[in-house]
Amino acid sequence: MRIQKPTLSFFDYFCLNEILAMQYKRILLKLSGEALMGEKQYGIDSKRLAEYAEEIKEVVEKGVEVAIVIGGGNIFRGLAGAATGMDRVQGDHMGMLATVINGLALQSALELQGVQTRLQSAIQINEVAEPFIRRRAMRHLEKGRVVIFGGGTGNPYFTTDSAAVLRAIEIEADVILKGTRVDGIYTSDPEKDKNATKFDTISFADVLLKGLKVMDTTAFTLSQENELPIVVFDMNTQGNLIKLVEGENIGTVVNL
């Protein structure tokens, strides 16, 4: 029996062309907790949160699958607690809870924009978040939902950078987009050195050779071993995220 192929409407072709035009099909966006503070000294700036939600919505509407990992530094850092005498493991668990709080805030902001979102946690908080299940996360992404990963890796002594790389590898993301307050990687700190020059692209090996700070060593090495590129860019400049996924030369690309 001959099987008739389904016909595509003009709208179907338009959507398909939009997706094919994107630089990446599935991304892992890493945001720092401090970025959510905006102009505040602590906590969450609702204005900054809404701006991020709008940026992410624009990317989702282009057909790009988006997963997100957020730090918790705007609320609590395990290392900061340990520095004052707190047990490191206890402090890290508090930091993990802070990332869940930030995840809930971003989930709410995205849903106000009409974006379907799921929050998955590496530590069990079933009343507020799904447990992290790799296949479920990938299914959500395939359905066009944004997936926010909270709770870090679920283990103390690991940063949210490590969580971002780990989750990106697990969900088979094309790239990690690390949103920061600077527009890429420089030869030195551009906020302190006016002569610092920006790299458009740089290899993993050169980052290590030059002693540049991109991520913590564990996260960076894991990304290198799995040949997962990292793009460092300025998330606070409106339009940068969508330009990046469309293929514009935004930020610095770290690759093999």
C-alpha atoms as a PDB file:
ATOM      1  CA  MET A   1       0.000   0.000   0.000  1.00  0.00           C
ATOM      2  CA  ARG A   2       1.384   3.381  -0.931  1.00  0.00           C
ATOM      3  CA  ILE A   3       1.718   5.802   1.972  1.00  0.00           C
ATOM      4  CA  GLN A   4       0.788   9.360   1.121  1.00  0.00           C
ATOM      5  CA  LYS A   5       3.205  11.941   2.473  1.00  0.00           C
ATOM      6  CA  PRO A   6       1.582  14.717   4.503  1.00  0.00           C
ATOM      7  CA  THR A   7       1.460  18.081   2.754  1.00  0.00           C
ATOM      8  CA  LEU A   8       3.000  21.106   4.432  1.00  0.00           C
ATOM      9  CA  SER A   9       1.201  24.421   4.565  1.00  0.00           C
ATOM     10  CA  PHE A  10       2.902  27.763   3.988  1.00  0.00           C
ATOM     11  CA  PHE A  11       2.953  28.229   7.775  1.00  0.00           C
ATOM     12  CA  ASP A  12       4.710  24.882   8.215  1.00  0.00           C
ATOM     13  CA  TYR A  13       7.374  25.816   5.688  1.00  0.00           C
ATOM     14  CA  PHE A  14       7.816  29.215   7.334  1.00  0.00           C
ATOM     15  CA  CYS A  15       8.324  27.671  10.785  1.00  0.00           C
ATOM     16  CA  LEU A  16      10.708  25.052   9.386  1.00  0.00           C
ATOM     17  CA  ASN A  17      12.802  27.714   7.672  1.00  0.00           C
ATOM     18  CA  GLU A  18      12.918  29.734  10.917  1.00  0.00           C
ATOM     19  CA  ILE A  19      14.304  26.722  12.806  1.00  0.00           C
ATOM     20  CA  LEU A  20      16.834  25.876  10.087  1.00  0.00           C
ATOM     21  CA  ALA A  21      18.062  29.491  10.130  1.00  0.00           C
ATOM     22  CA  MET A  22      19.056  29.274  13.785  1.00  0.00           C
ATOM     23  CA  GLN A  23      22.702  28.689  14.702  1.00  0.00           C
ATOM     24  CA  TYR A  24      21.688  26.236  17.439  1.00  0.00           C
ATOM     25  CA  LYS A  25      18.729  23.894  17.895  1.00  0.00           C
ATOM     26  CA  ARG A  26      19.094  23.258  21.649  1.00  0.00           C
ATOM     27  CA  ILE A  27      20.919  25.547  24.066  1.00  0.00           C
ATOM     28  CA  LEU A  28      21.822  25.542  27.747  1.00  0.00           C
ATOM     29  CA  LEU A  29      21.709  29.095  29.075  1.00  0.00           C
ATOM     30  CA  LYS A  30      23.786  29.653  32.230  1.00  0.00           C
ATOM     31  CA  LEU A  31      22.870  32.695  34.304  1.00  0.00           C
ATOM     32  CA  SER A  32      24.501  33.859  37.509  1.00  0.00           C
ATOM     33  CA  GLY A  33      22.383  34.514  40.559  1.00  0.00           C
ATOM     34  CA  GLU A  34      23.979  37.959  40.864  1.00  0.00           C
ATOM     35  CA  ALA A  35      22.589  38.852  37.433  1.00  0.00           C
ATOM     36  CA  LEU A  36      19.066  38.643  38.847  1.00  0.00           C
ATOM     37  CA  MET A  37      19.855  41.397  41.364  1.00  0.00           C
ATOM     38  CA  GLY A  38      19.778  44.053  38.666  1.00  0.00           C
ATOM     39  CA  GLU A  39      20.389  47.366  40.407  1.00  0.00           C
ATOM     40  CA  LYS A  40      19.729  45.888  43.846  1.00  0.00           C
ATOM     41  CA  GLN A  41      22.329  44.824  46.389  1.00  0.00           C
ATOM     42  CA  TYR A  42      20.527  41.589  47.271  1.00  0.00           C
ATOM     43  CA  GLY A  43      17.686  39.350  46.136  1.00  0.00           C
ATOM     44  CA  ILE A  44      15.775  39.524  42.860  1.00  0.00           C
ATOM     45  CA  ASP A  45      15.035  42.568  40.701  1.00  0.00           C
ATOM     46  CA  SER A  46      11.625  42.006  39.105  1.00  0.00           C
ATOM     47  CA  LYS A  47      12.501  44.381  36.240  1.00  0.00           C
ATOM     48  CA  ARG A  48      15.656  42.423  35.354  1.00  0.00           C
ATOM     49  CA  LEU A  49      13.729  39.163  35.661  1.00  0.00           C
ATOM     50  CA  ALA A  50      11.064  40.390  33.231  1.00  0.00           C
ATOM     51  CA  GLU A  51      13.750  41.521  30.756  1.00  0.00           C
ATOM     52  CA  TYR A  52      15.370  38.081  30.812  1.00  0.00           C
ATOM     53  CA  ALA A  53      11.981  36.408  30.336  1.00  0.00           C
ATOM     54  CA  GLU A  54      11.302  38.538  27.251  1.00  0.00           C
ATOM     55  CA  GLU A  55      14.708  37.686  25.775  1.00  0.00           C
ATOM     56  CA  ILE A  56      14.179  33.956  26.360  1.00  0.00           C
ATOM     57  CA  LYS A  57      10.651  34.071  24.959  1.00  0.00           C
ATOM     58  CA  GLU A  58      11.943  35.569  21.710  1.00  0.00           C
ATOM     59  CA  VAL A  59      14.386  32.683  21.292  1.00  0.00           C
ATOM     60  CA  VAL A  60      11.735  30.049  22.096  1.00  0.00           C
ATOM     61  CA  GLU A  61       9.408  31.561  19.495  1.00  0.00           C
ATOM     62  CA  LYS A  62      12.121  30.977  16.881  1.00  0.00           C
ATOM     63  CA  GLY A  63      11.908  27.247  17.573  1.00  0.00           C
ATOM     64  CA  VAL A  64      15.071  26.949  19.663  1.00  0.00           C
ATOM     65  CA  GLU A  65      14.903  24.512  22.600  1.00  0.00           C
ATOM     66  CA  VAL A  66      16.022  26.262  25.784  1.00  0.00           C
ATOM     67  CA  ALA A  67      17.283  24.838  29.068  1.00  0.00           C
ATOM     68  CA  ILE A  68      18.519  27.091  31.876  1.00  0.00           C
ATOM     69  CA  VAL A  69      20.742  26.811  34.934  1.00  0.00           C
ATOM     70  CA  ILE A  70      20.811  29.709  37.410  1.00  0.00           C
ATOM     71  CA  GLY A  71      23.238  30.319  40.246  1.00  0.00           C
ATOM     72  CA  GLY A  72      22.157  31.312  43.738  1.00  0.00           C
ATOM     73  CA  GLY A  73      24.755  33.948  44.628  1.00  0.00           C
ATOM     74  CA  ASN A  74      22.149  36.702  44.964  1.00  0.00           C
ATOM     75  CA  ILE A  75      20.726  34.822  47.959  1.00  0.00           C
ATOM     76  CA  PHE A  76      23.428  32.593  49.434  1.00  0.00           C
ATOM     77  CA  ARG A  77      26.800  31.113  48.523  1.00  0.00           C
ATOM     78  CA  GLY A  78      28.085  27.963  50.202  1.00  0.00           C
ATOM     79  CA  LEU A  79      31.688  29.184  49.996  1.00  0.00           C
ATOM     80  CA  ALA A  80      30.738  32.439  51.709  1.00  0.00           C
ATOM     81  CA  GLY A  81      29.110  30.498  54.516  1.00  0.00           C
ATOM     82  CA  ALA A  82      32.148  28.244  54.883  1.00  0.00           C
ATOM     83  CA  ALA A  83      34.388  31.315  55.128  1.00  0.00           C
ATOM     84  CA  THR A  84      32.504  32.390  58.271  1.00  0.00           C
ATOM     85  CA  GLY A  85      32.845  28.990  59.908  1.00  0.00           C
ATOM     86  CA  MET A  86      29.705  27.280  58.630  1.00  0.00           C
ATOM     87  CA  ASP A  87      29.942  23.621  57.680  1.00  0.00           C
ATOM     88  CA  ARG A  88      30.704  23.541  53.935  1.00  0.00           C
ATOM     89  CA  VAL A  89      28.200  20.799  53.141  1.00  0.00           C
ATOM     90  CA  GLN A  90      25.420  22.635  54.983  1.00  0.00           C
ATOM     91  CA  GLY A  91      26.350  25.850  53.210  1.00  0.00           C
ATOM     92  CA  ASP A  92      26.297  24.206  49.796  1.00  0.00           C
ATOM     93  CA  HIS A  93      22.868  22.724  50.497  1.00  0.00           C
ATOM     94  CA  MET A  94      21.638  26.223  51.336  1.00  0.00           C
ATOM     95  CA  GLY A  95      23.104  27.433  48.052  1.00  0.00           C
ATOM     96  CA  MET A  96      21.267  24.665  46.187  1.00  0.00           C
ATOM     97  CA  LEU A  97      17.988  25.817  47.731  1.00  0.00           C
ATOM     98  CA  ALA A  98      18.798  29.369  46.620  1.00  0.00           C
ATOM     99  CA  THR A  99      19.037  28.182  43.001  1.00  0.00           C
ATOM    100  CA  VAL A 100      15.588  26.615  43.323  1.00  0.00           C
ATOM    101  CA  ILE A 101      14.202  29.935  44.591  1.00  0.00           C
ATOM    102  CA  ASN A 102      15.708  31.707  41.576  1.00  0.00           C
ATOM    103  CA  GLY A 103      14.342  28.984  39.304  1.00  0.00           C
ATOM    104  CA  LEU A 104      10.834  29.497  40.673  1.00  0.00           C
ATOM    105  CA  ALA A 105      11.137  33.240  40.128  1.00  0.00           C
ATOM    106  CA  LEU A 106      12.257  32.820  36.516  1.00  0.00           C
ATOM    107  CA  GLN A 107       9.570  30.208  35.898  1.00  0.00           C
ATOM    108  CA  SER A 108       6.921  32.662  37.095  1.00  0.00           C
ATOM    109  CA  ALA A 109       8.342  35.461  34.906  1.00  0.00           C
ATOM    110  CA  LEU A 110       8.376  33.212  31.828  1.00  0.00           C
ATOM    111  CA  GLU A 111       4.838  31.983  32.403  1.00  0.00           C
ATOM    112  CA  LEU A 112       3.658  35.596  32.673  1.00  0.00           C
ATOM    113  CA  GLN A 113       5.053  35.933  29.128  1.00  0.00           C
ATOM    114  CA  GLY A 114       3.055  32.885  28.042  1.00  0.00           C
ATOM    115  CA  VAL A 115       6.066  30.551  27.856  1.00  0.00           C
ATOM    116  CA  GLN A 116       5.471  26.980  29.051  1.00  0.00           C
ATOM    117  CA  THR A 117       8.130  26.185  31.640  1.00  0.00           C
ATOM    118  CA  ARG A 118       9.147  23.260  33.829  1.00  0.00           C
ATOM    119  CA  LEU A 119      11.424  23.477  36.870  1.00  0.00           C
ATOM    120  CA  GLN A 120      13.405  20.341  37.659  1.00  0.00           C
ATOM    121  CA  SER A 121      15.445  20.018  40.834  1.00  0.00           C
ATOM    122  CA  ALA A 122      18.455  17.812  41.575  1.00  0.00           C
ATOM    123  CA  ILE A 123      17.296  17.698  45.206  1.00  0.00           C
ATOM    124  CA  GLN A 124      13.811  16.424  45.916  1.00  0.00           C
ATOM    125  CA  ILE A 125      11.298  19.207  46.539  1.00  0.00           C
ATOM    126  CA  ASN A 126       8.305  17.525  44.976  1.00  0.00           C
ATOM    127  CA  GLU A 127       5.810  20.182  46.076  1.00  0.00           C
ATOM    128  CA  VAL A 128       7.526  22.910  44.035  1.00  0.00           C
ATOM    129  CA  ALA A 129       9.600  21.197  41.328  1.00  0.00           C
ATOM    130  CA  GLU A 130       9.840  18.004  39.336  1.00  0.00           C
ATOM    131  CA  PRO A 131      12.753  15.704  40.129  1.00  0.00           C
ATOM    132  CA  PHE A 132      15.470  15.817  37.478  1.00  0.00           C
ATOM    133  CA  ILE A 133      14.812  12.994  35.028  1.00  0.00           C
ATOM    134  CA  ARG A 134      16.875  13.217  31.858  1.00  0.00           C
ATOM    135  CA  ARG A 135      14.341  11.695  29.471  1.00  0.00           C
ATOM    136  CA  ARG A 136      11.524  13.796  30.871  1.00  0.00           C
ATOM    137  CA  ALA A 137      13.624  16.945  30.512  1.00  0.00           C
ATOM    138  CA  MET A 138      14.394  16.125  26.882  1.00  0.00           C
ATOM    139  CA  ARG A 139      10.731  15.429  26.184  1.00  0.00           C
ATOM    140  CA  HIS A 140       9.775  18.818  27.636  1.00  0.00           C
ATOM    141  CA  LEU A 141      12.344  20.486  25.369  1.00  0.00           C
ATOM    142  CA  GLU A 142      11.040  18.622  22.315  1.00  0.00           C
ATOM    143  CA  LYS A 143       7.564  19.968  23.120  1.00  0.00           C
ATOM    144  CA  GLY A 144       8.857  23.527  23.153  1.00  0.00           C
ATOM    145  CA  ARG A 145       8.888  23.990  26.921  1.00  0.00           C
ATOM    146  CA  VAL A 146      11.695  25.817  28.685  1.00  0.00           C
ATOM    147  CA  VAL A 147      13.334  23.605  31.305  1.00  0.00           C
ATOM    148  CA  ILE A 148      15.006  25.225  34.316  1.00  0.00           C
ATOM    149  CA  PHE A 149      17.424  23.029  36.260  1.00  0.00           C
ATOM    150  CA  GLY A 150      17.641  23.906  39.959  1.00  0.00           C
ATOM    151  CA  GLY A 151      19.516  22.420  42.879  1.00  0.00           C
ATOM    152  CA  GLY A 152      22.906  22.380  41.165  1.00  0.00           C
ATOM    153  CA  THR A 153      24.205  18.858  40.685  1.00  0.00           C
ATOM    154  CA  GLY A 154      22.544  17.776  43.929  1.00  0.00           C
ATOM    155  CA  ASN A 155      25.979  17.374  45.534  1.00  0.00           C
ATOM    156  CA  PRO A 156      28.065  19.699  47.700  1.00  0.00           C
ATOM    157  CA  TYR A 157      31.452  20.986  46.496  1.00  0.00           C
ATOM    158  CA  PHE A 158      30.187  21.444  42.922  1.00  0.00           C
ATOM    159  CA  THR A 159      29.350  24.841  41.440  1.00  0.00           C
ATOM    160  CA  THR A 160      26.408  25.734  39.233  1.00  0.00           C
ATOM    161  CA  ASP A 161      28.929  26.030  36.384  1.00  0.00           C
ATOM    162  CA  SER A 162      29.539  22.297  36.813  1.00  0.00           C
ATOM    163  CA  ALA A 163      25.786  21.722  36.969  1.00  0.00           C
ATOM    164  CA  ALA A 164      25.329  23.671  33.728  1.00  0.00           C
ATOM    165  CA  VAL A 165      27.943  21.648  31.844  1.00  0.00           C
ATOM    166  CA  LEU A 166      26.668  18.353  33.245  1.00  0.00           C
ATOM    167  CA  ARG A 167      23.056  19.074  32.308  1.00  0.00           C
ATOM    168  CA  ALA A 168      24.068  20.363  28.867  1.00  0.00           C
ATOM    169  CA  ILE A 169      25.874  17.109  28.155  1.00  0.00           C
ATOM    170  CA  GLU A 170      22.997  15.015  29.480  1.00  0.00           C
ATOM    171  CA  ILE A 171      20.346  16.737  27.360  1.00  0.00           C
ATOM    172  CA  GLU A 172      22.654  16.809  24.319  1.00  0.00           C
ATOM    173  CA  ALA A 173      22.685  20.587  24.017  1.00  0.00           C
ATOM    174  CA  ASP A 174      24.568  22.124  21.093  1.00  0.00           C
ATOM    175  CA  VAL A 175      26.240  24.792  23.208  1.00  0.00           C
ATOM    176  CA  ILE A 176      26.468  26.445  26.618  1.00  0.00           C
ATOM    177  CA  LEU A 177      25.657  30.147  26.508  1.00  0.00           C
ATOM    178  CA  LYS A 178      27.108  31.796  29.590  1.00  0.00           C
ATOM    179  CA  GLY A 179      25.392  35.129  30.158  1.00  0.00           C
ATOM    180  CA  THR A 180      27.555  37.591  32.078  1.00  0.00           C
ATOM    181  CA  ARG A 181      27.883  41.346  32.540  1.00  0.00           C
ATOM    182  CA  VAL A 182      30.848  41.570  30.132  1.00  0.00           C
ATOM    183  CA  ASP A 183      30.698  41.026  26.379  1.00  0.00           C
ATOM    184  CA  GLY A 184      33.164  38.149  26.159  1.00  0.00           C
ATOM    185  CA  ILE A 185      36.562  36.870  27.283  1.00  0.00           C
ATOM    186  CA  TYR A 186      39.435  39.355  27.523  1.00  0.00           C
ATOM    187  CA  THR A 187      43.190  39.097  27.971  1.00  0.00           C
ATOM    188  CA  SER A 188      42.619  40.558  31.459  1.00  0.00           C
ATOM    189  CA  ASP A 189      39.749  42.035  33.467  1.00  0.00           C
ATOM    190  CA  PRO A 190      38.331  44.809  31.220  1.00  0.00           C
ATOM    191  CA  GLU A 191      36.827  46.559  34.259  1.00  0.00           C
ATOM    192  CA  LYS A 192      40.336  47.001  35.706  1.00  0.00           C
ATOM    193  CA  ASP A 193      42.577  47.056  32.619  1.00  0.00           C
ATOM    194  CA  LYS A 194      41.722  49.534  29.855  1.00  0.00           C
ATOM    195  CA  ASN A 195      44.223  47.835  27.542  1.00  0.00           C
ATOM    196  CA  ALA A 196      42.508  44.446  27.773  1.00  0.00           C
ATOM    197  CA  THR A 197      41.609  43.018  24.369  1.00  0.00           C
ATOM    198  CA  LYS A 198      38.678  40.766  23.588  1.00  0.00           C
ATOM    199  CA  PHE A 199      38.859  37.342  21.949  1.00  0.00           C
ATOM    200  CA  ASP A 200      36.250  36.544  19.298  1.00  0.00           C
ATOM    201  CA  THR A 201      37.198  32.867  19.466  1.00  0.00           C
ATOM    202  CA  ILE A 202      39.637  30.953  21.633  1.00  0.00           C
ATOM    203  CA  SER A 203      40.479  27.296  22.140  1.00  0.00           C
ATOM    204  CA  PHE A 204      40.064  25.395  25.397  1.00  0.00           C
ATOM    205  CA  ALA A 205      43.825  24.833  25.439  1.00  0.00           C
ATOM    206  CA  ASP A 206      44.596  28.552  25.101  1.00  0.00           C
ATOM    207  CA  VAL A 207      42.183  29.457  27.906  1.00  0.00           C
ATOM    208  CA  LEU A 208      44.079  27.122  30.217  1.00  0.00           C
ATOM    209  CA  LEU A 209      47.482  28.235  28.910  1.00  0.00           C
ATOM    210  CA  LYS A 210      46.711  31.913  29.433  1.00  0.00           C
ATOM    211  CA  GLY A 211      45.072  31.296  32.818  1.00  0.00           C
ATOM    212  CA  LEU A 212      41.808  32.977  31.782  1.00  0.00           C
ATOM    213  CA  LYS A 213      38.759  32.612  33.995  1.00  0.00           C
ATOM    214  CA  VAL A 214      35.751  31.251  32.095  1.00  0.00           C
ATOM    215  CA  MET A 215      34.327  28.637  34.466  1.00  0.00           C
ATOM    216  CA  ASP A 216      35.673  26.716  37.418  1.00  0.00           C
ATOM    217  CA  THR A 217      38.246  24.077  36.464  1.00  0.00           C
ATOM    218  CA  THR A 218      35.942  21.088  36.972  1.00  0.00           C
ATOM    219  CA  ALA A 219      33.224  22.533  34.737  1.00  0.00           C
ATOM    220  CA  PHE A 220      35.642  23.754  32.079  1.00  0.00           C
ATOM    221  CA  THR A 221      37.472  20.430  31.868  1.00  0.00           C
ATOM    222  CA  LEU A 222      34.191  18.521  31.619  1.00  0.00           C
ATOM    223  CA  SER A 223      33.109  20.748  28.747  1.00  0.00           C
ATOM    224  CA  GLN A 224      36.456  20.308  26.989  1.00  0.00           C
ATOM    225  CA  GLU A 225      36.440  16.523  27.337  1.00  0.00           C
ATOM    226  CA  ASN A 226      32.961  16.325  25.838  1.00  0.00           C
ATOM    227  CA  GLU A 227      33.745  18.815  23.036  1.00  0.00           C
ATOM    228  CA  LEU A 228      30.924  21.092  24.163  1.00  0.00           C
ATOM    229  CA  PRO A 229      31.493  24.698  23.036  1.00  0.00           C
ATOM    230  CA  ILE A 230      30.954  27.620  25.404  1.00  0.00           C
ATOM    231  CA  VAL A 231      29.926  31.121  24.388  1.00  0.00           C
ATOM    232  CA  VAL A 232      30.512  33.911  26.915  1.00  0.00           C
ATOM    233  CA  PHE A 233      28.395  36.985  26.175  1.00  0.00           C
ATOM    234  CA  ASP A 234      26.710  40.015  27.739  1.00  0.00           C
ATOM    235  CA  MET A 235      23.194  38.957  28.710  1.00  0.00           C
ATOM    236  CA  ASN A 236      22.300  42.448  29.934  1.00  0.00           C
ATOM    237  CA  THR A 237      22.404  43.997  26.453  1.00  0.00           C
ATOM    238  CA  GLN A 238      18.944  43.691  24.979  1.00  0.00           C
ATOM    239  CA  GLY A 239      18.784  41.528  21.854  1.00  0.00           C
ATOM    240  CA  ASN A 240      22.118  39.775  22.381  1.00  0.00           C
ATOM    241  CA  LEU A 241      20.601  36.363  23.072  1.00  0.00           C
ATOM    242  CA  ILE A 242      18.499  36.212  19.919  1.00  0.00           C
ATOM    243  CA  LYS A 243      21.360  37.609  17.812  1.00  0.00           C
ATOM    244  CA  LEU A 244      23.669  34.931  19.169  1.00  0.00           C
ATOM    245  CA  VAL A 245      21.365  32.017  18.347  1.00  0.00           C
ATOM    246  CA  GLU A 246      20.781  33.505  14.897  1.00  0.00           C
ATOM    247  CA  GLY A 247      24.522  33.244  14.232  1.00  0.00           C
ATOM    248  CA  GLU A 248      25.780  36.794  14.786  1.00  0.00           C
ATOM    249  CA  ASN A 249      29.287  37.271  16.167  1.00  0.00           C
ATOM    250  CA  ILE A 250      28.315  38.005  19.766  1.00  0.00           C
ATOM    251  CA  GLY A 251      30.637  37.369  22.710  1.00  0.00           C
ATOM    252  CA  THR A 252      33.529  34.904  22.697  1.00  0.00           C
ATOM    253  CA  VAL A 253      33.322  31.313  21.489  1.00  0.00           C
ATOM    254  CA  VAL A 254      35.421  28.713  23.320  1.00  0.00           C
ATOM    255  CA  ASN A 255      35.897  25.619  21.207  1.00  0.00           C
ATOM    256  CA  LEU A 256      38.441  22.962  20.334  1.00  0.00           C
END
